[in-house]
Amino acid sequence: MSLSVIFDMDGTLFQTDKILEISLRDTFDHLRSLQVWGDETETPIEKYRAIMGVPLPVVWETLLPEHGDDIRQQANVWFHEKLIANINCGNGALYPYVEEVLQYFKEKNYPIYIASNGEIDYLNSIVNYYKLDKWVTETCSIQHIQSQNKTDLVRFILEKYNIKDAFVVGDRLSDIKAAKENGLLAVGCNFDFAQEDELSQADIVINRMDELKTLSFGSARC
């Protein structure tokens, strides 16, 4: 059975940084218009960058710790509307060499999957805009599983497709843990949102996506 590749989306395949700041500012401007966020209070962009990759409920609990679930849910809806609008306007981008690497794995007959903490509609907007489905077998959202845990999401993919050998490529600790806790090789991406202490736990660290083409994986089971 061939080797499979499981990619994270945000900060790994997709340059979320290009649309994050403007979408987050628009969201908090909306909250200011509702008078639930102070006019003089800064938009917590750096706080979001620091926690990028955690499930969305954790995001809004962190960014809006003093607010109730109704405000957090409204902020999440507004934020995703802005993200999707920016994607559809072409304001985002894939990382350099992503399409080249996906084509490389496709030609090697390595099935490709995406496991992301992003919501389904958001992920679909990226897949559709960049036509990723010509390479990717399935894009799986954390919404597909009840636990909201990326380790379980990767396990869901492994079980659904009866995958025996795979490696996980991602930029944050949740990706590395998802690989390790499923007995897979963890490839850390030293990209925009990566943190050194998290990457130190990966088996391999890359600085550019095309470095994946130079690696010899053999069996990716740890």
C-alpha atoms as a PDB file:
ATOM      1  CA  MET A   1       0.000   0.000   0.000  1.00  0.00           C
ATOM      2  CA  SER A   2       1.360   3.430  -0.936  1.00  0.00           C
ATOM      3  CA  LEU A   3       2.449   6.120   1.461  1.00  0.00           C
ATOM      4  CA  SER A   4      -0.152   8.808   2.250  1.00  0.00           C
ATOM      5  CA  VAL A   5       0.414  12.472   3.085  1.00  0.00           C
ATOM      6  CA  ILE A   6      -1.773  14.399   5.528  1.00  0.00           C
ATOM      7  CA  PHE A   7      -1.378  18.174   5.390  1.00  0.00           C
ATOM      8  CA  ASP A   8      -2.554  20.894   7.707  1.00  0.00           C
ATOM      9  CA  MET A   9      -4.135  23.851   5.882  1.00  0.00           C
ATOM     10  CA  ASP A  10      -3.601  27.190   7.675  1.00  0.00           C
ATOM     11  CA  GLY A  11       0.040  28.181   7.899  1.00  0.00           C
ATOM     12  CA  THR A  12       1.069  25.045   5.982  1.00  0.00           C
ATOM     13  CA  LEU A  13      -0.581  25.021   2.557  1.00  0.00           C
ATOM     14  CA  PHE A  14      -2.431  28.322   2.751  1.00  0.00           C
ATOM     15  CA  GLN A  15      -0.870  31.661   3.712  1.00  0.00           C
ATOM     16  CA  THR A  16      -3.549  32.607   6.201  1.00  0.00           C
ATOM     17  CA  ASP A  17      -1.420  35.552   7.285  1.00  0.00           C
ATOM     18  CA  LYS A  18      -2.377  37.387   4.085  1.00  0.00           C
ATOM     19  CA  ILE A  19      -6.043  37.602   5.075  1.00  0.00           C
ATOM     20  CA  LEU A  20      -5.900  37.191   8.847  1.00  0.00           C
ATOM     21  CA  GLU A  21      -5.228  40.752   9.910  1.00  0.00           C
ATOM     22  CA  ILE A  22      -7.793  42.469   7.691  1.00  0.00           C
ATOM     23  CA  SER A  23     -10.478  39.883   8.539  1.00  0.00           C
ATOM     24  CA  LEU A  24      -9.799  40.118  12.259  1.00  0.00           C
ATOM     25  CA  ARG A  25      -9.809  43.923  12.186  1.00  0.00           C
ATOM     26  CA  ASP A  26     -13.153  43.907  10.355  1.00  0.00           C
ATOM     27  CA  THR A  27     -14.549  41.491  12.949  1.00  0.00           C
ATOM     28  CA  PHE A  28     -13.506  43.628  15.896  1.00  0.00           C
ATOM     29  CA  ASP A  29     -14.734  46.766  14.145  1.00  0.00           C
ATOM     30  CA  HIS A  30     -18.093  44.996  13.968  1.00  0.00           C
ATOM     31  CA  LEU A  31     -17.897  44.233  17.689  1.00  0.00           C
ATOM     32  CA  ARG A  32     -17.103  47.901  18.324  1.00  0.00           C
ATOM     33  CA  SER A  33     -20.181  48.880  16.319  1.00  0.00           C
ATOM     34  CA  LEU A  34     -22.199  46.647  18.656  1.00  0.00           C
ATOM     35  CA  GLN A  35     -20.512  48.392  21.586  1.00  0.00           C
ATOM     36  CA  VAL A  36     -19.177  45.120  22.997  1.00  0.00           C
ATOM     37  CA  TRP A  37     -15.536  45.976  22.294  1.00  0.00           C
ATOM     38  CA  GLY A  38     -13.963  49.244  23.368  1.00  0.00           C
ATOM     39  CA  ASP A  39     -13.187  51.850  20.720  1.00  0.00           C
ATOM     40  CA  GLU A  40      -9.729  52.345  22.176  1.00  0.00           C
ATOM     41  CA  THR A  41      -9.021  48.641  22.737  1.00  0.00           C
ATOM     42  CA  GLU A  42      -6.642  47.101  20.211  1.00  0.00           C
ATOM     43  CA  THR A  43      -7.621  44.226  17.952  1.00  0.00           C
ATOM     44  CA  PRO A  44      -5.821  41.148  19.425  1.00  0.00           C
ATOM     45  CA  ILE A  45      -3.967  40.171  16.268  1.00  0.00           C
ATOM     46  CA  GLU A  46      -0.749  39.004  17.962  1.00  0.00           C
ATOM     47  CA  LYS A  47      -2.724  36.982  20.493  1.00  0.00           C
ATOM     48  CA  TYR A  48      -4.434  35.169  17.633  1.00  0.00           C
ATOM     49  CA  ARG A  49      -1.152  34.566  15.826  1.00  0.00           C
ATOM     50  CA  ALA A  50       0.237  32.981  18.989  1.00  0.00           C
ATOM     51  CA  ILE A  51      -2.619  30.475  19.276  1.00  0.00           C
ATOM     52  CA  MET A  52      -3.117  29.820  15.558  1.00  0.00           C
ATOM     53  CA  GLY A  53      -4.001  26.179  15.013  1.00  0.00           C
ATOM     54  CA  VAL A  54      -6.147  25.607  18.088  1.00  0.00           C
ATOM     55  CA  PRO A  55      -9.854  24.718  17.680  1.00  0.00           C
ATOM     56  CA  LEU A  56     -12.116  27.716  17.095  1.00  0.00           C
ATOM     57  CA  PRO A  57     -13.949  27.582  20.436  1.00  0.00           C
ATOM     58  CA  VAL A  58     -10.552  28.002  22.108  1.00  0.00           C
ATOM     59  CA  VAL A  59      -9.737  30.904  19.768  1.00  0.00           C
ATOM     60  CA  TRP A  60     -12.774  32.918  20.816  1.00  0.00           C
ATOM     61  CA  GLU A  61     -12.476  31.986  24.492  1.00  0.00           C
ATOM     62  CA  THR A  62      -8.951  33.412  24.308  1.00  0.00           C
ATOM     63  CA  LEU A  63      -9.723  36.522  22.278  1.00  0.00           C
ATOM     64  CA  LEU A  64     -12.992  37.318  24.073  1.00  0.00           C
ATOM     65  CA  PRO A  65     -12.471  35.990  27.619  1.00  0.00           C
ATOM     66  CA  GLU A  66     -14.938  38.444  29.175  1.00  0.00           C
ATOM     67  CA  HIS A  67     -17.752  37.830  26.695  1.00  0.00           C
ATOM     68  CA  GLY A  68     -20.515  35.243  26.541  1.00  0.00           C
ATOM     69  CA  ASP A  69     -20.987  32.464  24.029  1.00  0.00           C
ATOM     70  CA  ASP A  70     -23.490  34.471  21.987  1.00  0.00           C
ATOM     71  CA  ILE A  71     -20.955  37.221  21.277  1.00  0.00           C
ATOM     72  CA  ARG A  72     -18.215  34.674  20.599  1.00  0.00           C
ATOM     73  CA  GLN A  73     -20.418  32.820  18.134  1.00  0.00           C
ATOM     74  CA  GLN A  74     -21.370  36.024  16.373  1.00  0.00           C
ATOM     75  CA  ALA A  75     -17.711  37.037  16.140  1.00  0.00           C
ATOM     76  CA  ASN A  76     -16.850  33.630  14.697  1.00  0.00           C
ATOM     77  CA  VAL A  77     -19.561  33.892  12.041  1.00  0.00           C
ATOM     78  CA  TRP A  78     -18.511  37.406  11.062  1.00  0.00           C
ATOM     79  CA  PHE A  79     -14.823  36.455  10.997  1.00  0.00           C
ATOM     80  CA  HIS A  80     -15.442  33.508   8.690  1.00  0.00           C
ATOM     81  CA  GLU A  81     -17.574  35.567   6.361  1.00  0.00           C
ATOM     82  CA  LYS A  82     -14.683  38.029   6.066  1.00  0.00           C
ATOM     83  CA  LEU A  83     -12.108  35.274   5.580  1.00  0.00           C
ATOM     84  CA  ILE A  84     -14.142  33.627   2.830  1.00  0.00           C
ATOM     85  CA  ALA A  85     -14.795  36.955   1.109  1.00  0.00           C
ATOM     86  CA  ASN A  86     -11.067  37.679   1.092  1.00  0.00           C
ATOM     87  CA  ILE A  87     -10.267  34.226  -0.280  1.00  0.00           C
ATOM     88  CA  ASN A  88     -12.811  34.610  -3.074  1.00  0.00           C
ATOM     89  CA  CYS A  89     -11.375  38.040  -3.912  1.00  0.00           C
ATOM     90  CA  GLY A  90      -7.929  36.502  -4.341  1.00  0.00           C
ATOM     91  CA  ASN A  91      -6.380  38.200  -1.332  1.00  0.00           C
ATOM     92  CA  GLY A  92      -4.917  34.969   0.035  1.00  0.00           C
ATOM     93  CA  ALA A  93      -2.271  32.687  -1.451  1.00  0.00           C
ATOM     94  CA  LEU A  94      -0.858  29.206  -1.253  1.00  0.00           C
ATOM     95  CA  TYR A  95       2.699  28.982   0.015  1.00  0.00           C
ATOM     96  CA  PRO A  96       5.417  28.820  -2.647  1.00  0.00           C
ATOM     97  CA  TYR A  97       5.883  25.368  -4.184  1.00  0.00           C
ATOM     98  CA  VAL A  98       2.615  23.958  -2.787  1.00  0.00           C
ATOM     99  CA  GLU A  99       1.142  23.120  -6.179  1.00  0.00           C
ATOM    100  CA  GLU A 100       4.472  21.693  -7.353  1.00  0.00           C
ATOM    101  CA  VAL A 101       4.724  19.449  -4.293  1.00  0.00           C
ATOM    102  CA  LEU A 102       1.118  18.296  -4.508  1.00  0.00           C
ATOM    103  CA  GLN A 103       1.671  17.382  -8.155  1.00  0.00           C
ATOM    104  CA  TYR A 104       4.881  15.558  -7.202  1.00  0.00           C
ATOM    105  CA  PHE A 105       3.091  13.405  -4.628  1.00  0.00           C
ATOM    106  CA  LYS A 106       0.204  12.822  -7.014  1.00  0.00           C
ATOM    107  CA  GLU A 107       2.606  11.503  -9.637  1.00  0.00           C
ATOM    108  CA  LYS A 108       4.170   9.215  -7.030  1.00  0.00           C
ATOM    109  CA  ASN A 109       0.666   7.878  -6.294  1.00  0.00           C
ATOM    110  CA  TYR A 110       0.759   9.134  -2.707  1.00  0.00           C
ATOM    111  CA  PRO A 111      -2.835   9.824  -1.638  1.00  0.00           C
ATOM    112  CA  ILE A 112      -3.106  13.351  -0.220  1.00  0.00           C
ATOM    113  CA  TYR A 113      -5.428  14.485   2.577  1.00  0.00           C
ATOM    114  CA  ILE A 114      -5.970  17.702   4.502  1.00  0.00           C
ATOM    115  CA  ALA A 115      -6.742  17.679   8.238  1.00  0.00           C
ATOM    116  CA  SER A 116      -7.586  21.125   9.557  1.00  0.00           C
ATOM    117  CA  ASN A 117      -9.043  22.860  12.593  1.00  0.00           C
ATOM    118  CA  GLY A 118     -10.773  25.216  10.158  1.00  0.00           C
ATOM    119  CA  GLU A 119     -14.508  25.152   9.504  1.00  0.00           C
ATOM    120  CA  ILE A 120     -15.947  23.282   6.518  1.00  0.00           C
ATOM    121  CA  ASP A 121     -17.133  26.315   4.513  1.00  0.00           C
ATOM    122  CA  TYR A 122     -13.831  28.101   5.016  1.00  0.00           C
ATOM    123  CA  LEU A 123     -11.807  25.080   3.909  1.00  0.00           C
ATOM    124  CA  ASN A 124     -14.056  24.512   0.912  1.00  0.00           C
ATOM    125  CA  SER A 125     -13.525  28.101  -0.196  1.00  0.00           C
ATOM    126  CA  ILE A 126      -9.753  27.537  -0.287  1.00  0.00           C
ATOM    127  CA  VAL A 127     -10.066  24.162  -2.005  1.00  0.00           C
ATOM    128  CA  ASN A 128     -12.440  25.549  -4.625  1.00  0.00           C
ATOM    129  CA  TYR A 129     -10.525  28.765  -5.288  1.00  0.00           C
ATOM    130  CA  TYR A 130      -7.173  27.013  -5.762  1.00  0.00           C
ATOM    131  CA  LYS A 131      -8.681  23.836  -7.264  1.00  0.00           C
ATOM    132  CA  LEU A 132      -6.914  21.666  -4.713  1.00  0.00           C
ATOM    133  CA  ASP A 133      -9.313  18.784  -5.258  1.00  0.00           C
ATOM    134  CA  LYS A 134      -7.392  17.777  -8.397  1.00  0.00           C
ATOM    135  CA  TRP A 135      -4.672  16.602  -5.992  1.00  0.00           C
ATOM    136  CA  VAL A 136      -6.391  16.124  -2.629  1.00  0.00           C
ATOM    137  CA  THR A 137      -8.488  13.020  -1.922  1.00  0.00           C
ATOM    138  CA  GLU A 138     -10.424  14.653   0.917  1.00  0.00           C
ATOM    139  CA  THR A 139     -10.281  17.786   3.032  1.00  0.00           C
ATOM    140  CA  CYS A 140     -11.402  17.015   6.587  1.00  0.00           C
ATOM    141  CA  SER A 141     -12.495  19.667   9.062  1.00  0.00           C
ATOM    142  CA  ILE A 142     -12.434  19.416  12.832  1.00  0.00           C
ATOM    143  CA  GLN A 143     -16.220  19.742  12.477  1.00  0.00           C
ATOM    144  CA  HIS A 144     -16.255  16.184  11.137  1.00  0.00           C
ATOM    145  CA  ILE A 145     -15.500  14.786  14.591  1.00  0.00           C
ATOM    146  CA  GLN A 146     -17.098  15.285  17.964  1.00  0.00           C
ATOM    147  CA  SER A 147     -13.980  15.629  20.100  1.00  0.00           C
ATOM    148  CA  GLN A 148     -12.603  18.740  18.319  1.00  0.00           C
ATOM    149  CA  ASN A 149      -9.151  17.144  18.654  1.00  0.00           C
ATOM    150  CA  LYS A 150      -6.743  17.000  15.706  1.00  0.00           C
ATOM    151  CA  THR A 151      -5.264  13.685  16.834  1.00  0.00           C
ATOM    152  CA  ASP A 152      -8.737  12.200  16.497  1.00  0.00           C
ATOM    153  CA  LEU A 153      -9.231  13.923  13.127  1.00  0.00           C
ATOM    154  CA  VAL A 154      -6.074  12.318  11.731  1.00  0.00           C
ATOM    155  CA  ARG A 155      -7.173   8.981  13.186  1.00  0.00           C
ATOM    156  CA  PHE A 156     -10.538   9.459  11.468  1.00  0.00           C
ATOM    157  CA  ILE A 157      -8.750   9.794   8.107  1.00  0.00           C
ATOM    158  CA  LEU A 158      -6.523   6.793   8.773  1.00  0.00           C
ATOM    159  CA  GLU A 159      -9.488   4.599   9.641  1.00  0.00           C
ATOM    160  CA  LYS A 160     -11.798   5.865   6.890  1.00  0.00           C
ATOM    161  CA  TYR A 161      -9.248   5.143   4.163  1.00  0.00           C
ATOM    162  CA  ASN A 162      -7.569   2.159   5.839  1.00  0.00           C
ATOM    163  CA  ILE A 163      -4.235   3.946   5.732  1.00  0.00           C
ATOM    164  CA  LYS A 164      -1.328   1.959   7.117  1.00  0.00           C
ATOM    165  CA  ASP A 165       1.569   4.280   6.324  1.00  0.00           C
ATOM    166  CA  ALA A 166       1.486   8.103   6.291  1.00  0.00           C
ATOM    167  CA  PHE A 167       3.204  11.250   7.468  1.00  0.00           C
ATOM    168  CA  VAL A 168       1.717  14.512   8.712  1.00  0.00           C
ATOM    169  CA  VAL A 169       2.886  17.948   7.552  1.00  0.00           C
ATOM    170  CA  GLY A 170       1.958  20.965   9.656  1.00  0.00           C
ATOM    171  CA  ASP A 171       3.225  24.073  11.406  1.00  0.00           C
ATOM    172  CA  ARG A 172       1.866  23.816  14.948  1.00  0.00           C
ATOM    173  CA  LEU A 173       2.027  21.501  17.946  1.00  0.00           C
ATOM    174  CA  SER A 174      -1.447  20.109  17.267  1.00  0.00           C
ATOM    175  CA  ASP A 175      -0.172  18.743  13.930  1.00  0.00           C
ATOM    176  CA  ILE A 176       2.950  17.265  15.493  1.00  0.00           C
ATOM    177  CA  LYS A 177       0.952  15.654  18.300  1.00  0.00           C
ATOM    178  CA  ALA A 178      -1.603  14.335  15.804  1.00  0.00           C
ATOM    179  CA  ALA A 179       1.227  12.564  13.977  1.00  0.00           C
ATOM    180  CA  LYS A 180       3.005  11.237  17.059  1.00  0.00           C
ATOM    181  CA  GLU A 181      -0.144  10.040  18.824  1.00  0.00           C
ATOM    182  CA  ASN A 182      -1.114   8.083  15.715  1.00  0.00           C
ATOM    183  CA  GLY A 183       2.360   6.569  15.326  1.00  0.00           C
ATOM    184  CA  LEU A 184       3.206   8.666  12.250  1.00  0.00           C
ATOM    185  CA  LEU A 185       6.169  10.768  11.190  1.00  0.00           C
ATOM    186  CA  ALA A 186       5.755  14.482  11.979  1.00  0.00           C
ATOM    187  CA  VAL A 187       7.100  17.049   9.508  1.00  0.00           C
ATOM    188  CA  GLY A 188       7.125  20.558  10.972  1.00  0.00           C
ATOM    189  CA  CYS A 189       6.858  23.611   8.710  1.00  0.00           C
ATOM    190  CA  ASN A 190       8.915  26.575   9.844  1.00  0.00           C
ATOM    191  CA  PHE A 191       6.501  29.067   8.290  1.00  0.00           C
ATOM    192  CA  ASP A 192       4.612  32.159   9.499  1.00  0.00           C
ATOM    193  CA  PHE A 193       2.886  30.851  12.623  1.00  0.00           C
ATOM    194  CA  ALA A 194       5.456  28.252  13.661  1.00  0.00           C
ATOM    195  CA  GLN A 195       7.066  28.379  17.094  1.00  0.00           C
ATOM    196  CA  GLU A 196      10.522  27.031  17.792  1.00  0.00           C
ATOM    197  CA  ASP A 197       9.610  25.125  20.949  1.00  0.00           C
ATOM    198  CA  GLU A 198       6.815  23.339  19.078  1.00  0.00           C
ATOM    199  CA  LEU A 199       8.903  22.552  15.995  1.00  0.00           C
ATOM    200  CA  SER A 200      11.571  20.997  18.216  1.00  0.00           C
ATOM    201  CA  GLN A 201       9.143  18.126  18.784  1.00  0.00           C
ATOM    202  CA  ALA A 202       8.824  17.292  15.072  1.00  0.00           C
ATOM    203  CA  ASP A 203      10.818  14.483  13.456  1.00  0.00           C
ATOM    204  CA  ILE A 204      11.801  16.688  10.514  1.00  0.00           C
ATOM    205  CA  VAL A 205      11.604  20.452  10.028  1.00  0.00           C
ATOM    206  CA  ILE A 206      11.365  22.132   6.622  1.00  0.00           C
ATOM    207  CA  ASN A 207      11.756  25.803   5.757  1.00  0.00           C
ATOM    208  CA  ARG A 208      10.242  25.564   2.268  1.00  0.00           C
ATOM    209  CA  MET A 209       7.543  23.251   0.985  1.00  0.00           C
ATOM    210  CA  ASP A 210       9.665  21.901  -1.871  1.00  0.00           C
ATOM    211  CA  GLU A 211      12.080  20.400   0.657  1.00  0.00           C
ATOM    212  CA  LEU A 212       9.536  17.588   0.964  1.00  0.00           C
ATOM    213  CA  LYS A 213      10.636  16.406  -2.489  1.00  0.00           C
ATOM    214  CA  THR A 214      14.186  15.836  -1.236  1.00  0.00           C
ATOM    215  CA  LEU A 215      13.243  13.698   1.739  1.00  0.00           C
ATOM    216  CA  SER A 216      13.307   9.911   1.733  1.00  0.00           C
ATOM    217  CA  PHE A 217      10.513   8.708   3.970  1.00  0.00           C
ATOM    218  CA  GLY A 218      10.610   4.940   3.579  1.00  0.00           C
ATOM    219  CA  SER A 219       8.091   3.853   6.184  1.00  0.00           C
ATOM    220  CA  ALA A 220       6.542   6.867   7.897  1.00  0.00           C
ATOM    221  CA  ARG A 221       5.423   4.845  10.891  1.00  0.00           C
ATOM    222  CA  CYS A 222       7.346   5.742  14.040  1.00  0.00           C
END
